[in-house]
């Protein structure tokens, strides 16, 4: 993987990574995180939630709290954008769920 590429994980890899690193999946969509946890079949409180606007307004200390988290959205594009922001602006390592939730459960609407 080139230095400028976003690291992406398949769903099973993401769950294992989050458990191993004591980190979380972070939902970047508008639906409640509880709904996404149910769709993905993960335990309650496995997923955190943040909006792109919140990411744009955080400071370096707040960004550090997102290190090693795996970002999730509908198709993988918005979460990839968030990972890029964290990497480029703060030097934070974060990952993207490959293809978003639609790759796992299909369209949710």
C-alpha atoms as a PDB file:
ATOM      1  CA  UNK A   1       0.000   0.000   0.000  1.00  0.00           C
ATOM      2  CA  UNK A   2       1.352   3.429  -0.949  1.00  0.00           C
ATOM      3  CA  UNK A   3       1.719   6.019   1.800  1.00  0.00           C
ATOM      4  CA  UNK A   4      -1.133   8.155   0.397  1.00  0.00           C
ATOM      5  CA  UNK A   5      -3.647   5.298   0.173  1.00  0.00           C
ATOM      6  CA  UNK A   6      -6.374   4.718   2.745  1.00  0.00           C
ATOM      7  CA  UNK A   7      -6.107   1.376   4.500  1.00  0.00           C
ATOM      8  CA  UNK A   8      -9.334  -0.572   4.015  1.00  0.00           C
ATOM      9  CA  UNK A   9     -10.588  -3.644   5.829  1.00  0.00           C
ATOM     10  CA  UNK A  10     -13.245  -6.205   5.050  1.00  0.00           C
ATOM     11  CA  UNK A  11     -15.980  -6.477   7.681  1.00  0.00           C
ATOM     12  CA  UNK A  12     -14.582  -9.565   9.448  1.00  0.00           C
ATOM     13  CA  UNK A  13     -11.105  -8.026   9.471  1.00  0.00           C
ATOM     14  CA  UNK A  14     -12.535  -4.796  10.892  1.00  0.00           C
ATOM     15  CA  UNK A  15     -14.262  -6.606  13.760  1.00  0.00           C
ATOM     16  CA  UNK A  16     -11.069  -8.523  14.601  1.00  0.00           C
ATOM     17  CA  UNK A  17      -8.945  -5.384  14.336  1.00  0.00           C
ATOM     18  CA  UNK A  18     -11.284  -3.388  16.589  1.00  0.00           C
ATOM     19  CA  UNK A  19     -11.208  -6.127  19.203  1.00  0.00           C
ATOM     20  CA  UNK A  20      -7.439  -6.551  19.049  1.00  0.00           C
ATOM     21  CA  UNK A  21      -6.662  -2.819  19.133  1.00  0.00           C
ATOM     22  CA  UNK A  22      -9.407  -2.004  21.687  1.00  0.00           C
ATOM     23  CA  UNK A  23     -10.862   0.470  19.218  1.00  0.00           C
ATOM     24  CA  UNK A  24     -14.245   0.961  17.549  1.00  0.00           C
ATOM     25  CA  UNK A  25     -16.159   1.147  14.341  1.00  0.00           C
ATOM     26  CA  UNK A  26     -17.295   4.745  13.786  1.00  0.00           C
ATOM     27  CA  UNK A  27     -20.507   5.387  11.844  1.00  0.00           C
ATOM     28  CA  UNK A  28     -20.388   8.508   9.651  1.00  0.00           C
ATOM     29  CA  UNK A  29     -24.046   8.396   8.532  1.00  0.00           C
ATOM     30  CA  UNK A  30     -27.210  10.005   9.855  1.00  0.00           C
ATOM     31  CA  UNK A  31     -29.083   6.949  11.103  1.00  0.00           C
ATOM     32  CA  UNK A  32     -28.744   6.139  14.799  1.00  0.00           C
ATOM     33  CA  UNK A  33     -25.739   3.953  15.558  1.00  0.00           C
ATOM     34  CA  UNK A  34     -28.052   1.457  17.258  1.00  0.00           C
ATOM     35  CA  UNK A  35     -29.743   0.826  13.903  1.00  0.00           C
ATOM     36  CA  UNK A  36     -26.379   0.224  12.242  1.00  0.00           C
ATOM     37  CA  UNK A  37     -25.306  -2.135  15.050  1.00  0.00           C
ATOM     38  CA  UNK A  38     -28.498  -4.108  14.471  1.00  0.00           C
ATOM     39  CA  UNK A  39     -27.978  -4.216  10.691  1.00  0.00           C
ATOM     40  CA  UNK A  40     -24.406  -5.425  11.090  1.00  0.00           C
ATOM     41  CA  UNK A  41     -25.243  -7.875  13.858  1.00  0.00           C
ATOM     42  CA  UNK A  42     -22.673  -6.484  16.282  1.00  0.00           C
ATOM     43  CA  UNK A  43     -22.951  -6.047  20.033  1.00  0.00           C
ATOM     44  CA  UNK A  44     -24.496  -2.903  21.462  1.00  0.00           C
ATOM     45  CA  UNK A  45     -22.002  -0.049  21.936  1.00  0.00           C
ATOM     46  CA  UNK A  46     -19.605  -1.542  19.370  1.00  0.00           C
ATOM     47  CA  UNK A  47     -20.146   1.461  17.115  1.00  0.00           C
ATOM     48  CA  UNK A  48     -19.495   5.136  17.820  1.00  0.00           C
ATOM     49  CA  UNK A  49     -20.937   7.923  15.705  1.00  0.00           C
ATOM     50  CA  UNK A  50     -19.508  11.154  14.311  1.00  0.00           C
ATOM     51  CA  UNK A  51     -20.498  13.430  11.458  1.00  0.00           C
ATOM     52  CA  UNK A  52     -18.175  14.811   8.833  1.00  0.00           C
ATOM     53  CA  UNK A  53     -18.951  18.306  10.160  1.00  0.00           C
ATOM     54  CA  UNK A  54     -17.807  17.239  13.626  1.00  0.00           C
ATOM     55  CA  UNK A  55     -14.564  15.871  12.176  1.00  0.00           C
ATOM     56  CA  UNK A  56     -13.943  19.145  10.351  1.00  0.00           C
ATOM     57  CA  UNK A  57     -14.249  21.054  13.651  1.00  0.00           C
ATOM     58  CA  UNK A  58     -12.148  18.870  15.954  1.00  0.00           C
ATOM     59  CA  UNK A  59      -8.742  19.842  17.296  1.00  0.00           C
ATOM     60  CA  UNK A  60      -5.575  17.728  17.396  1.00  0.00           C
ATOM     61  CA  UNK A  61      -6.322  16.355  20.867  1.00  0.00           C
ATOM     62  CA  UNK A  62      -9.818  15.254  19.842  1.00  0.00           C
ATOM     63  CA  UNK A  63      -8.447  13.765  16.615  1.00  0.00           C
ATOM     64  CA  UNK A  64      -6.009  11.649  18.641  1.00  0.00           C
ATOM     65  CA  UNK A  65      -9.027   9.940  20.271  1.00  0.00           C
ATOM     66  CA  UNK A  66      -9.992   8.626  16.809  1.00  0.00           C
ATOM     67  CA  UNK A  67      -6.648   6.939  16.162  1.00  0.00           C
ATOM     68  CA  UNK A  68      -6.927   3.353  14.874  1.00  0.00           C
ATOM     69  CA  UNK A  69     -10.715   3.560  14.613  1.00  0.00           C
ATOM     70  CA  UNK A  70     -12.428   2.054  11.579  1.00  0.00           C
ATOM     71  CA  UNK A  71     -14.772   4.462   9.831  1.00  0.00           C
ATOM     72  CA  UNK A  72     -17.980   3.223   8.220  1.00  0.00           C
ATOM     73  CA  UNK A  73     -20.539   4.847   5.921  1.00  0.00           C
ATOM     74  CA  UNK A  74     -22.986   3.737   3.250  1.00  0.00           C
ATOM     75  CA  UNK A  75     -20.621   3.016   0.358  1.00  0.00           C
ATOM     76  CA  UNK A  76     -17.185   3.712   1.819  1.00  0.00           C
ATOM     77  CA  UNK A  77     -16.654   7.150   0.269  1.00  0.00           C
ATOM     78  CA  UNK A  78     -17.534   9.509   3.147  1.00  0.00           C
ATOM     79  CA  UNK A  79     -15.672   7.371   5.644  1.00  0.00           C
ATOM     80  CA  UNK A  80     -12.660   7.347   3.315  1.00  0.00           C
ATOM     81  CA  UNK A  81     -12.845  11.154   3.252  1.00  0.00           C
ATOM     82  CA  UNK A  82     -12.829  11.254   7.076  1.00  0.00           C
ATOM     83  CA  UNK A  83      -9.817   8.924   7.215  1.00  0.00           C
ATOM     84  CA  UNK A  84      -8.019  11.185   4.709  1.00  0.00           C
ATOM     85  CA  UNK A  85      -8.762  14.281   6.813  1.00  0.00           C
ATOM     86  CA  UNK A  86      -7.446  12.614   9.970  1.00  0.00           C
ATOM     87  CA  UNK A  87      -4.296  11.463   8.186  1.00  0.00           C
ATOM     88  CA  UNK A  88      -3.565  14.655   6.247  1.00  0.00           C
ATOM     89  CA  UNK A  89      -4.485  17.229   8.876  1.00  0.00           C
ATOM     90  CA  UNK A  90      -3.442  15.463  12.096  1.00  0.00           C
ATOM     91  CA  UNK A  91      -1.202  12.547  11.106  1.00  0.00           C
ATOM     92  CA  UNK A  92      -3.721  10.150  12.684  1.00  0.00           C
ATOM     93  CA  UNK A  93      -3.864   6.524  11.531  1.00  0.00           C
ATOM     94  CA  UNK A  94      -7.439   5.382  10.917  1.00  0.00           C
ATOM     95  CA  UNK A  95      -9.005   2.817   8.625  1.00  0.00           C
ATOM     96  CA  UNK A  96     -11.985   2.508   6.305  1.00  0.00           C
ATOM     97  CA  UNK A  97     -14.535  -0.297   6.026  1.00  0.00           C
ATOM     98  CA  UNK A  98     -14.186  -1.415   2.409  1.00  0.00           C
ATOM     99  CA  UNK A  99     -17.371  -0.740   0.433  1.00  0.00           C
ATOM    100  CA  UNK A 100     -19.298   0.537   3.455  1.00  0.00           C
ATOM    101  CA  UNK A 101     -22.330  -1.159   4.925  1.00  0.00           C
ATOM    102  CA  UNK A 102     -23.992  -1.642   1.536  1.00  0.00           C
ATOM    103  CA  UNK A 103     -21.278  -4.151   0.697  1.00  0.00           C
ATOM    104  CA  UNK A 104     -22.319  -6.156   3.774  1.00  0.00           C
ATOM    105  CA  UNK A 105     -26.094  -5.803   3.995  1.00  0.00           C
ATOM    106  CA  UNK A 106     -27.094  -4.158   0.693  1.00  0.00           C
ATOM    107  CA  UNK A 107     -28.972  -0.905   0.363  1.00  0.00           C
ATOM    108  CA  UNK A 108     -30.568   0.074   3.662  1.00  0.00           C
ATOM    109  CA  UNK A 109     -33.377   2.102   2.122  1.00  0.00           C
END
